[in-house]
Amino acid sequence: MTALDLSSPVAVVGTGTMGQGIAQVALVAGHVVRLYDAVPGRARDAAAAIGARLDRLVEKDRLTAGDRDAARTRLLPAESLADLADCALVVEAVLEQLDVKQRLLRELEGVVGDDCLLATNTSSLSVTAIGGALNNPGRFVGLHFFNPAPLMPLVEVVSGFATDVTSATRAYEMARAWGKTPVACADTPGFIVNRIARPFYGEAFAVYEAQAADPATIDAVLRESGGFKMGAFELTDLIGQDVNESVTHSVWESFFRDTRFTPSLAQRRLVESGRLGRKSGQGWYDYRDGAERPEPHTAERAQPPAHVVVEGDLGPAAELLTLIREAGISAEQEEEDHGTRLLLPSGGQLVLADGQTSVEFRDVVYFDLAVDYRRATRIALSASQDTAPQTLAEATGLFQALGKQVSVIGDVPGMIVARTVARIVDLAHDAVAKGVATEEDIDTAMRLGVNYPLGPFDWSRRLGRNWAYALLDDLHLRDPSGRYAPSLALYRHAYATDKREGSAS
């Protein structure tokens, strides 16, 4: 089954931000769009607001005046649900309450034709549960647009337990015809993006709660080393702390309080205090007039070592050997079977974050993962109270000689970027194993939905198939709550590789 014909009217019920955005997408694609809202006058106000946005698109040369005028003639506020009777698709974008959505859809089912596709834009409720109120749930599908809908390319096409394959295919092709990039997924808590993105926020908050680093430093490391567009603290301030925490809590509850999705107590306190982010003037950061943005912790200049010895190939950090030599520092490489590390002149060691802590070893400084060590502008280091000051100074000077700013954080296993990426990779493998979505669709969703520098499977291939499993296994030994226990899917992935290569796990 192909996409809806452009001659087929489309309806959007609910005229808030998302409803207006979805209506604009359908309108610009060429459909007649009917807007309905239960509150009198809101549909007309929404139509006027959409018209004003079309005017701005003309001003920016993104839409011709003729196309705008034609679109306006196709945008029709509806006085009642009965006005939607001839629509081929109805998308509801009303209040995120199960009973409200079910009641609306039951009413719609009695109005529209049997071949009308019914859809929900829910971001947190079960598509299966919403559709359970329908006599014919087979024609019901999730169409999860991302805000702002006219700009964000991703649409998650969610099949509930009873959704017919033809309905899901029809919705998928329709989203593509509207110029979006659809991904198909099963009805699981959080769908793709909100399920797999939880560690990006959760691990940043966990490092903060462990008093290993402040929000400004954690955000800077995620951006400047991890390659993320925004750090977790500034992003949740933008989203709204109440909104982000609500999604986290919903996913956690939906997974029967699985410890992998446990919400942050620090974020809960922030919400309870009314510090909701940009919209309230204060969140993790202060946005009030005159408030200064805190700077990330950056280490003072230190003398770089004259030479280092590199044992092993450094794995995901292999590019460092080239960068060190380009910086004029002598680097001797030795092949070692027992691990990968940099030996410093003082006798200390510099090791890529692996889920262990500096306090467990004599004179070890850990450095964090970077998406690209050449392009990274900041590197985080961690050391314990027993690490020799000279070892930390040499490690700091080494990365500064490579043109990086250095942030020294507390002795937390997995540091910041490494533990975040490992958990994202794990949840992605687990999702594929459980039939949520394909590897390709998960990578697409995470790149387009939340602007990750790499999809989880792209990252997994870069890091080596055993890397995420080994790091999480070490973390799990140090925090046996279950939060870091590698999934069976990740274990199988790592073990199969090791078996094929003839090495131990």
Protein backbone atom coordinates (compact mmCIF):
# COMPACT_ATOMS: atom_id res chain seq x y z
CA MET A 1 0.00 0.00 0.00
CA THR A 2 1.34 3.43 -0.93
CA ALA A 3 1.12 6.83 0.73
CA LEU A 4 -2.09 8.82 0.90
CA ASP A 5 -3.07 10.56 -2.30
CA LEU A 6 -2.69 14.34 -2.05
CA SER A 7 -6.38 14.66 -2.82
CA SER A 8 -7.16 12.91 0.47
CA PRO A 9 -7.98 15.28 3.35
CA VAL A 10 -5.97 14.95 6.56
CA ALA A 11 -7.16 16.00 10.01
CA VAL A 12 -5.26 16.96 13.13
CA VAL A 13 -7.07 16.92 16.46
CA GLY A 14 -5.43 19.04 19.14
CA THR A 15 -3.94 22.40 18.19
CA GLY A 16 -1.04 22.83 20.58
CA THR A 17 2.56 23.14 19.43
CA MET A 18 2.78 19.60 18.07
CA GLY A 19 -0.66 19.63 16.49
CA GLN A 20 0.09 22.84 14.64
CA GLY A 21 3.46 21.53 13.52
CA ILE A 22 2.02 18.28 12.14
CA ALA A 23 -0.75 20.20 10.38
CA GLN A 24 1.82 22.47 8.75
CA VAL A 25 3.81 19.48 7.50
CA ALA A 26 0.73 17.90 5.90
CA LEU A 27 -0.37 21.24 4.50
CA VAL A 28 2.96 22.03 2.83
CA ALA A 29 3.00 18.50 1.40
CA GLY A 30 -0.20 19.39 -0.49
CA HIS A 31 -3.10 17.99 1.55
CA VAL A 32 -6.32 19.64 2.57
CA VAL A 33 -5.92 19.85 6.36
CA ARG A 34 -8.76 20.12 8.84
CA LEU A 35 -7.95 21.35 12.35
CA TYR A 36 -10.13 20.47 15.29
CA ASP A 37 -9.88 21.39 18.97
CA ALA A 38 -12.43 20.76 21.70
CA VAL A 39 -11.98 24.30 22.99
CA PRO A 40 -14.04 26.71 20.85
CA GLY A 41 -11.94 29.17 18.84
CA ARG A 42 -8.64 27.36 19.24
CA ALA A 43 -8.74 25.75 15.80
CA ARG A 44 -9.16 29.15 14.14
CA ASP A 45 -6.37 30.62 16.27
CA ALA A 46 -4.14 27.70 15.30
CA ALA A 47 -4.92 28.22 11.61
CA ALA A 48 -3.93 31.87 11.94
CA ALA A 49 -0.69 30.91 13.68
CA ILE A 50 0.16 28.41 10.93
CA GLY A 51 -0.59 31.07 8.32
CA ALA A 52 1.82 33.45 10.04
CA ARG A 53 4.54 30.77 9.95
CA LEU A 54 3.91 30.28 6.25
CA ASP A 55 4.42 34.03 5.80
CA ARG A 56 7.80 33.76 7.51
CA LEU A 57 8.78 30.90 5.21
CA VAL A 58 8.01 33.15 2.23
CA GLU A 59 10.14 35.92 3.76
CA LYS A 60 13.02 33.45 4.09
CA ASP A 61 12.57 32.23 0.49
CA ARG A 62 11.70 28.73 1.69
CA LEU A 63 8.22 28.88 0.20
CA THR A 64 6.80 30.77 -2.76
CA ALA A 65 3.99 33.25 -2.25
CA GLY A 66 1.83 31.20 -4.62
CA ASP A 67 2.36 27.99 -2.64
CA ARG A 68 1.58 29.85 0.58
CA ASP A 69 -1.68 31.21 -0.80
CA ALA A 70 -2.67 27.76 -2.06
CA ALA A 71 -1.85 26.22 1.31
CA ARG A 72 -4.01 28.73 3.13
CA THR A 73 -7.02 27.76 1.03
CA ARG A 74 -6.49 24.12 2.06
CA LEU A 75 -6.32 24.85 5.81
CA LEU A 76 -9.81 24.48 7.26
CA PRO A 77 -10.76 24.82 10.95
CA ALA A 78 -13.43 22.29 11.89
CA GLU A 79 -16.38 23.07 14.15
CA SER A 80 -16.99 19.46 15.20
CA LEU A 81 -15.59 15.95 14.81
CA ALA A 82 -18.33 15.30 12.25
CA ASP A 83 -16.48 17.67 9.90
CA LEU A 84 -13.69 15.07 9.71
CA ALA A 85 -15.88 12.34 8.23
CA ASP A 86 -14.21 12.26 4.79
CA CYS A 87 -10.60 12.34 6.04
CA ALA A 88 -8.21 9.56 5.03
CA LEU A 89 -5.97 10.17 8.05
CA VAL A 90 -6.64 11.65 11.49
CA VAL A 91 -3.71 12.36 13.80
CA GLU A 92 -4.51 13.09 17.43
CA ALA A 93 -2.16 15.35 19.38
CA VAL A 94 -4.21 15.96 22.51
CA LEU A 95 -3.36 15.75 26.20
CA GLU A 96 -0.96 12.92 27.16
CA GLN A 97 -3.57 11.03 29.16
CA LEU A 98 -4.65 7.55 28.20
CA ASP A 99 -8.35 7.96 28.96
CA VAL A 100 -8.54 11.27 27.06
CA LYS A 101 -6.98 9.76 23.94
CA GLN A 102 -9.08 6.60 24.10
CA ARG A 103 -12.31 8.55 24.47
CA LEU A 104 -11.43 10.77 21.49
CA LEU A 105 -10.52 7.83 19.26
CA ARG A 106 -13.73 5.99 20.09
CA GLU A 107 -15.64 9.06 18.97
CA LEU A 108 -13.55 9.34 15.79
CA GLU A 109 -14.15 5.69 14.98
CA GLY A 110 -17.87 6.41 14.81
CA VAL A 111 -17.34 9.37 12.47
CA VAL A 112 -14.70 8.46 9.87
CA GLY A 113 -14.86 5.82 7.16
CA ASP A 114 -13.64 2.26 7.63
CA ASP A 115 -10.57 2.92 5.48
CA CYS A 116 -9.45 5.99 7.47
CA LEU A 117 -6.05 5.62 9.13
CA LEU A 118 -6.07 6.70 12.77
CA ALA A 119 -2.82 7.83 14.40
CA THR A 120 -1.46 9.15 17.68
CA ASN A 121 1.49 11.46 18.20
CA THR A 122 2.04 10.21 21.75
CA SER A 123 5.63 10.28 22.98
CA SER A 124 5.16 8.39 26.25
CA LEU A 125 1.99 6.29 26.22
CA SER A 126 1.56 2.78 24.83
CA VAL A 127 0.20 2.76 21.30
CA THR A 128 -1.24 -0.67 22.05
CA ALA A 129 -3.08 0.62 25.12
CA ILE A 130 -4.50 3.62 23.28
CA GLY A 131 -5.64 1.45 20.38
CA GLY A 132 -7.15 -1.08 22.76
CA ALA A 133 -10.24 1.12 23.03
CA LEU A 134 -10.99 0.77 19.31
CA ASN A 135 -13.24 -1.76 17.63
CA ASN A 136 -10.69 -1.96 14.81
CA PRO A 137 -7.22 -1.36 16.32
CA GLY A 138 -5.61 -2.73 13.16
CA ARG A 139 -5.91 0.68 11.47
CA PHE A 140 -4.35 2.50 14.42
CA VAL A 141 -0.64 3.47 14.42
CA GLY A 142 1.77 5.72 16.25
CA LEU A 143 3.22 8.67 14.32
CA HIS A 144 5.71 10.24 16.68
CA PHE A 145 6.93 13.55 15.23
CA PHE A 146 9.69 15.49 16.96
CA ASN A 147 9.43 19.12 17.99
CA PRO A 148 9.45 21.34 15.98
CA ALA A 149 7.67 19.04 13.55
CA PRO A 150 8.17 21.21 10.42
CA LEU A 151 11.96 21.22 10.96
CA MET A 152 12.82 17.88 12.56
CA PRO A 153 13.19 15.19 9.87
CA LEU A 154 12.50 12.11 12.00
CA VAL A 155 9.16 10.36 12.43
CA GLU A 156 8.88 7.15 14.47
CA VAL A 157 6.21 4.93 12.95
CA VAL A 158 5.08 2.76 15.84
CA SER A 159 3.16 -0.46 15.40
CA GLY A 160 0.96 -1.43 18.34
CA PHE A 161 0.34 -5.08 19.15
CA ALA A 162 -2.78 -5.07 16.97
CA THR A 163 -1.63 -2.70 14.19
CA ASP A 164 -1.98 -4.23 10.72
CA VAL A 165 1.18 -4.35 8.62
CA THR A 166 -0.67 -2.53 5.83
CA SER A 167 -1.54 0.33 8.16
CA ALA A 168 2.05 0.69 9.37
CA THR A 169 3.34 0.57 5.79
CA ARG A 170 0.82 3.16 4.69
CA ALA A 171 1.84 5.50 7.54
CA TYR A 172 5.54 4.93 6.78
CA GLU A 173 5.16 5.78 3.11
CA MET A 174 3.02 8.79 3.95
CA ALA A 175 5.69 10.20 6.28
CA ARG A 176 8.27 9.74 3.54
CA ALA A 177 6.01 11.44 1.00
CA TRP A 178 5.76 14.38 3.39
CA GLY A 179 9.54 14.80 3.21
CA LYS A 180 10.29 13.13 6.52
CA THR A 181 12.65 10.29 7.37
CA PRO A 182 10.51 7.54 8.90
CA VAL A 183 11.80 4.69 11.05
CA ALA A 184 9.72 1.66 11.94
CA CYS A 185 9.55 0.42 15.50
CA ALA A 186 7.51 -1.82 17.74
CA ASP A 187 5.45 -0.45 20.61
CA THR A 188 7.99 -0.35 23.43
CA PRO A 189 8.37 2.19 26.26
CA GLY A 190 10.05 5.28 24.81
CA PHE A 191 9.91 3.80 21.28
CA ILE A 192 13.44 4.15 19.82
CA VAL A 193 14.75 7.58 20.74
CA ASN A 194 13.34 8.04 24.22
CA ARG A 195 14.32 4.49 25.17
CA ILE A 196 17.91 4.54 23.96
CA ALA A 197 18.62 8.18 24.92
CA ARG A 198 18.00 7.67 28.66
CA PRO A 199 21.69 7.05 29.54
CA PHE A 200 22.73 10.35 27.95
CA TYR A 201 20.89 12.14 30.72
CA GLY A 202 21.11 9.49 33.43
CA GLU A 203 24.87 9.00 33.37
CA ALA A 204 25.58 12.74 33.39
CA PHE A 205 23.32 13.11 36.42
CA ALA A 206 24.96 10.09 38.09
CA VAL A 207 28.44 11.62 37.70
CA TYR A 208 27.09 14.85 39.19
CA GLU A 209 25.42 13.03 42.09
CA ALA A 210 28.74 11.29 42.80
CA GLN A 211 30.25 14.80 43.11
CA ALA A 212 32.80 13.91 40.46
CA ALA A 213 32.17 17.01 38.35
CA ASP A 214 29.85 20.02 38.08
CA PRO A 215 27.22 20.45 35.34
CA ALA A 216 29.29 22.92 33.29
CA THR A 217 32.27 20.54 33.19
CA ILE A 218 30.18 17.47 32.36
CA ASP A 219 28.41 19.36 29.56
CA ALA A 220 31.71 20.61 28.16
CA VAL A 221 33.18 17.09 28.11
CA LEU A 222 30.08 15.67 26.38
CA ARG A 223 30.25 18.39 23.72
CA GLU A 224 33.97 18.84 23.20
CA SER A 225 35.08 15.23 23.65
CA GLY A 226 31.94 13.20 22.98
CA GLY A 227 30.85 15.27 19.99
CA PHE A 228 27.28 15.77 21.23
CA LYS A 229 25.60 19.01 20.15
CA MET A 230 24.62 19.88 23.72
CA GLY A 231 25.46 18.54 27.14
CA ALA A 232 22.85 16.75 29.24
CA PHE A 233 22.32 19.61 31.69
CA GLU A 234 21.89 22.37 29.12
CA LEU A 235 19.71 20.13 26.94
CA THR A 236 17.32 19.24 29.76
CA ASP A 237 17.15 22.93 30.68
CA LEU A 238 16.06 23.57 27.09
CA ILE A 239 13.55 20.69 27.01
CA GLY A 240 12.21 21.52 30.46
CA GLN A 241 13.23 19.57 33.56
CA ASP A 242 9.64 18.56 34.24
CA VAL A 243 9.18 17.27 30.70
CA ASN A 244 12.46 15.34 30.64
CA GLU A 245 11.92 13.86 34.07
CA SER A 246 8.37 12.87 33.17
CA VAL A 247 9.58 10.91 30.13
CA THR A 248 12.32 9.24 32.20
CA HIS A 249 9.81 8.31 34.89
CA SER A 250 7.34 6.98 32.32
CA VAL A 251 9.96 4.76 30.68
CA TRP A 252 11.15 3.52 34.10
CA GLU A 253 7.61 2.67 35.23
CA SER A 254 6.76 1.06 31.89
CA PHE A 255 9.78 -1.22 32.23
CA PHE A 256 8.56 -2.26 35.68
CA ARG A 257 11.14 -0.01 37.38
CA ASP A 258 14.11 -1.57 35.62
CA THR A 259 17.24 -0.12 37.30
CA ARG A 260 18.73 0.69 33.89
CA PHE A 261 16.16 3.50 33.62
CA THR A 262 16.07 4.74 37.22
CA PRO A 263 15.34 8.49 37.35
CA SER A 264 17.73 10.98 38.96
CA LEU A 265 17.07 12.15 42.50
CA ALA A 266 18.94 15.38 41.76
CA GLN A 267 16.63 16.11 38.83
CA ARG A 268 13.60 15.29 40.98
CA ARG A 269 14.71 17.88 43.54
CA LEU A 270 15.22 20.41 40.76
CA VAL A 271 11.66 19.88 39.53
CA GLU A 272 10.26 20.01 43.05
CA SER A 273 11.96 23.37 43.56
CA GLY A 274 10.31 24.79 40.44
CA ARG A 275 13.62 25.22 38.61
CA LEU A 276 12.41 23.84 35.30
CA GLY A 277 15.06 25.29 33.00
CA ARG A 278 14.92 28.12 30.51
CA LYS A 279 11.16 28.49 30.74
CA SER A 280 11.28 29.25 34.48
CA GLY A 281 14.52 31.24 34.40
CA GLN A 282 16.49 28.71 36.41
CA GLY A 283 17.36 25.05 36.01
CA TRP A 284 20.79 23.50 36.24
CA TYR A 285 21.90 26.94 35.04
CA ASP A 286 20.67 30.43 35.82
CA TYR A 287 19.04 32.23 32.87
CA ARG A 288 17.91 35.36 34.70
CA ASP A 289 19.12 38.75 33.52
CA GLY A 290 22.70 39.39 34.59
CA ALA A 291 23.40 35.79 35.60
CA GLU A 292 26.82 34.48 34.59
CA ARG A 293 27.18 31.10 32.92
CA PRO A 294 29.59 28.92 34.95
CA GLU A 295 32.78 27.86 33.19
CA PRO A 296 33.89 24.22 33.03
CA HIS A 297 36.82 23.19 35.16
CA THR A 298 39.96 23.53 33.05
CA ALA A 299 43.36 22.51 34.35
CA GLU A 300 46.28 24.95 34.52
CA ARG A 301 49.10 24.56 32.03
CA ALA A 302 51.47 21.71 32.78
CA GLN A 303 54.78 20.62 31.31
CA PRO A 304 54.31 17.83 28.75
CA PRO A 305 56.47 14.69 29.05
CA ALA A 306 59.45 14.43 26.71
CA HIS A 307 58.60 10.87 25.81
CA VAL A 308 56.02 8.13 26.41
CA VAL A 309 55.86 4.40 25.86
CA VAL A 310 52.70 3.04 24.29
CA GLU A 311 51.84 -0.53 25.19
CA GLY A 312 49.33 -2.21 22.88
CA ASP A 313 47.37 -0.47 20.14
CA LEU A 314 45.28 1.78 22.46
CA GLY A 315 42.07 0.42 20.93
CA PRO A 316 39.55 3.23 20.32
CA ALA A 317 42.27 5.75 21.23
CA ALA A 318 44.79 4.46 18.67
CA GLU A 319 44.91 7.85 16.91
CA LEU A 320 46.64 9.32 19.97
CA LEU A 321 49.94 7.71 18.96
CA THR A 322 49.97 9.73 15.73
CA LEU A 323 48.93 12.93 17.52
CA ILE A 324 51.63 12.50 20.15
CA ARG A 325 54.34 12.12 17.52
CA GLU A 326 52.95 15.08 15.54
CA ALA A 327 53.29 17.16 18.71
CA GLY A 328 57.02 16.37 18.80
CA ILE A 329 56.84 13.98 21.73
CA SER A 330 58.86 10.78 21.39
CA ALA A 331 56.55 7.75 21.48
CA GLU A 332 57.86 4.22 21.52
CA GLN A 333 55.31 1.51 20.82
CA GLU A 334 55.54 -1.94 22.36
CA GLU A 335 53.22 -4.84 21.62
CA GLU A 336 51.63 -6.17 24.80
CA ASP A 337 49.05 -8.90 25.27
CA HIS A 338 47.84 -7.85 28.71
CA GLY A 339 46.35 -4.46 27.93
CA THR A 340 46.77 -1.03 26.39
CA ARG A 341 48.25 1.97 28.19
CA LEU A 342 50.64 4.87 27.99
CA LEU A 343 53.65 4.78 30.31
CA LEU A 344 54.78 8.21 31.50
CA PRO A 345 58.37 9.20 32.42
CA SER A 346 57.52 9.32 36.14
CA GLY A 347 56.47 5.68 36.01
CA GLY A 348 52.73 6.42 36.10
CA GLN A 349 50.23 5.05 33.62
CA LEU A 350 47.65 6.71 31.39
CA VAL A 351 44.74 4.38 30.55
CA LEU A 352 41.57 4.77 28.50
CA ALA A 353 38.46 4.65 30.71
CA ASP A 354 37.52 1.01 31.18
CA GLY A 355 35.01 0.85 34.02
CA GLN A 356 37.64 0.60 36.73
CA THR A 357 38.90 3.29 39.11
CA SER A 358 42.28 4.88 39.75
CA VAL A 359 42.16 4.01 43.44
CA GLU A 360 42.42 0.31 42.54
CA PHE A 361 45.85 0.71 40.96
CA ARG A 362 49.10 2.40 41.76
CA ASP A 363 49.66 5.65 39.91
CA VAL A 364 47.04 5.40 37.17
CA VAL A 365 45.33 8.31 35.46
CA TYR A 366 42.31 7.51 33.29
CA PHE A 367 41.37 9.54 30.20
CA ASP A 368 37.91 9.65 28.69
CA LEU A 369 36.63 8.46 25.35
CA ALA A 370 36.45 10.92 22.45
CA VAL A 371 34.41 10.48 19.30
CA ASP A 372 37.45 11.79 17.36
CA TYR A 373 40.68 12.43 19.25
CA ARG A 374 42.05 14.67 16.53
CA ARG A 375 39.03 16.98 16.48
CA ALA A 376 38.25 16.85 20.21
CA THR A 377 39.04 20.12 21.98
CA ARG A 378 38.72 18.85 25.55
CA ILE A 379 39.68 15.64 27.34
CA ALA A 380 38.63 14.58 30.83
CA LEU A 381 41.13 12.92 33.16
CA SER A 382 40.39 11.18 36.46
CA ALA A 383 42.75 10.30 39.27
CA SER A 384 42.45 9.14 42.87
CA GLN A 385 43.84 10.73 46.01
CA ASP A 386 46.72 8.23 45.80
CA THR A 387 47.79 9.21 42.29
CA ALA A 388 51.17 10.93 42.31
CA PRO A 389 50.87 14.66 41.46
CA GLN A 390 53.66 14.28 38.91
CA THR A 391 51.75 11.55 37.07
CA LEU A 392 48.65 13.74 36.83
CA ALA A 393 50.76 16.71 35.74
CA GLU A 394 52.44 14.70 32.98
CA ALA A 395 49.10 13.35 31.78
CA THR A 396 47.64 16.87 31.77
CA GLY A 397 50.64 18.31 29.92
CA LEU A 398 50.53 15.53 27.35
CA PHE A 399 46.97 16.29 26.26
CA GLN A 400 47.57 20.03 26.41
CA ALA A 401 50.50 19.51 24.03
CA LEU A 402 48.01 17.90 21.66
CA GLY A 403 45.95 21.12 21.69
CA LYS A 404 43.30 19.93 24.14
CA GLN A 405 41.88 21.60 27.19
CA VAL A 406 41.90 19.26 30.17
CA SER A 407 39.20 18.79 32.79
CA VAL A 408 40.18 16.73 35.83
CA ILE A 409 37.17 15.00 37.38
CA GLY A 410 36.68 12.68 40.34
CA ASP A 411 37.61 9.01 40.33
CA VAL A 412 34.41 7.58 38.85
CA PRO A 413 34.46 4.33 36.86
CA GLY A 414 33.78 4.82 33.17
CA MET A 415 34.22 8.59 33.48
CA ILE A 416 31.69 10.61 31.42
CA VAL A 417 31.65 9.92 27.68
CA ALA A 418 32.82 6.30 27.93
CA ARG A 419 30.10 5.10 30.31
CA THR A 420 27.43 7.08 28.44
CA VAL A 421 28.35 5.64 25.05
CA ALA A 422 28.72 2.10 26.42
CA ARG A 423 25.22 2.21 27.88
CA ILE A 424 23.71 3.68 24.70
CA VAL A 425 25.37 0.91 22.66
CA ASP A 426 24.06 -1.71 25.09
CA LEU A 427 20.47 -0.47 24.96
CA ALA A 428 20.64 -0.37 21.17
CA HIS A 429 21.80 -4.00 20.93
CA ASP A 430 19.12 -5.00 23.42
CA ALA A 431 16.44 -3.21 21.38
CA VAL A 432 17.39 -5.01 18.17
CA ALA A 433 17.47 -8.37 19.93
CA LYS A 434 13.96 -7.75 21.24
CA GLY A 435 12.55 -6.77 17.86
CA VAL A 436 12.07 -3.07 18.58
CA ALA A 437 13.75 -1.87 15.38
CA THR A 438 16.58 -2.62 12.97
CA GLU A 439 20.17 -1.48 13.47
CA GLU A 440 19.83 0.91 10.54
CA ASP A 441 16.64 2.49 11.86
CA ILE A 442 18.09 2.87 15.36
CA ASP A 443 21.18 4.63 14.00
CA THR A 444 19.00 6.88 11.86
CA ALA A 445 16.68 7.69 14.75
CA MET A 446 19.46 8.63 17.15
CA ARG A 447 21.27 10.80 14.61
CA LEU A 448 18.18 12.63 13.39
CA GLY A 449 16.04 12.59 16.52
CA VAL A 450 18.64 13.75 19.06
CA ASN A 451 21.57 14.76 16.83
CA TYR A 452 24.05 12.19 18.12
CA PRO A 453 27.43 12.38 16.35
CA LEU A 454 27.17 8.68 15.51
CA GLY A 455 24.45 6.08 15.64
CA PRO A 456 24.93 3.46 18.38
CA PHE A 457 25.88 0.74 15.91
CA ASP A 458 28.26 3.03 14.02
CA TRP A 459 29.84 3.76 17.39
CA SER A 460 29.93 0.09 18.31
CA ARG A 461 31.79 -0.79 15.12
CA ARG A 462 34.32 2.00 15.68
CA LEU A 463 34.98 1.01 19.27
CA GLY A 464 35.31 -2.71 18.68
CA ARG A 465 32.65 -5.27 19.38
CA ASN A 466 33.95 -6.17 22.85
CA TRP A 467 34.60 -2.64 24.12
CA ALA A 468 31.17 -1.70 25.48
CA TYR A 469 30.63 -5.14 27.04
CA ALA A 470 33.99 -5.09 28.84
CA LEU A 471 33.46 -1.57 30.20
CA LEU A 472 29.94 -2.31 31.46
CA ASP A 473 31.04 -5.62 32.96
CA ASP A 474 33.69 -3.76 34.98
CA LEU A 475 31.14 -1.11 35.99
CA HIS A 476 28.68 -3.80 37.06
CA LEU A 477 31.28 -5.31 39.39
CA ARG A 478 31.63 -1.94 41.10
CA ASP A 479 27.90 -1.15 41.11
CA PRO A 480 25.98 -4.45 41.24
CA SER A 481 22.58 -2.73 41.33
CA GLY A 482 21.85 -3.96 37.81
CA ARG A 483 22.12 -0.51 36.26
CA TYR A 484 25.29 -1.44 34.38
CA ALA A 485 24.73 -5.16 33.84
CA PRO A 486 25.41 -5.80 30.13
CA SER A 487 22.43 -7.15 28.24
CA LEU A 488 22.41 -10.70 26.96
CA ALA A 489 22.40 -9.26 23.45
CA LEU A 490 25.64 -7.36 24.08
CA TYR A 491 27.19 -10.42 25.72
CA ARG A 492 26.38 -12.55 22.69
CA HIS A 493 27.73 -9.85 20.40
CA ALA A 494 31.05 -9.68 22.27
CA TYR A 495 31.40 -13.42 22.83
CA ALA A 496 30.73 -14.31 19.22
CA THR A 497 33.50 -11.97 18.13
CA ASP A 498 35.94 -13.31 20.67
CA LYS A 499 35.16 -16.90 19.73
CA ARG A 500 35.66 -16.16 16.05
CA GLU A 501 38.95 -14.43 16.72
CA GLY A 502 40.08 -17.15 19.14
CA SER A 503 40.55 -14.84 22.12
CA ALA A 504 39.10 -14.80 25.61
CA SER A 505 36.20 -12.63 26.58
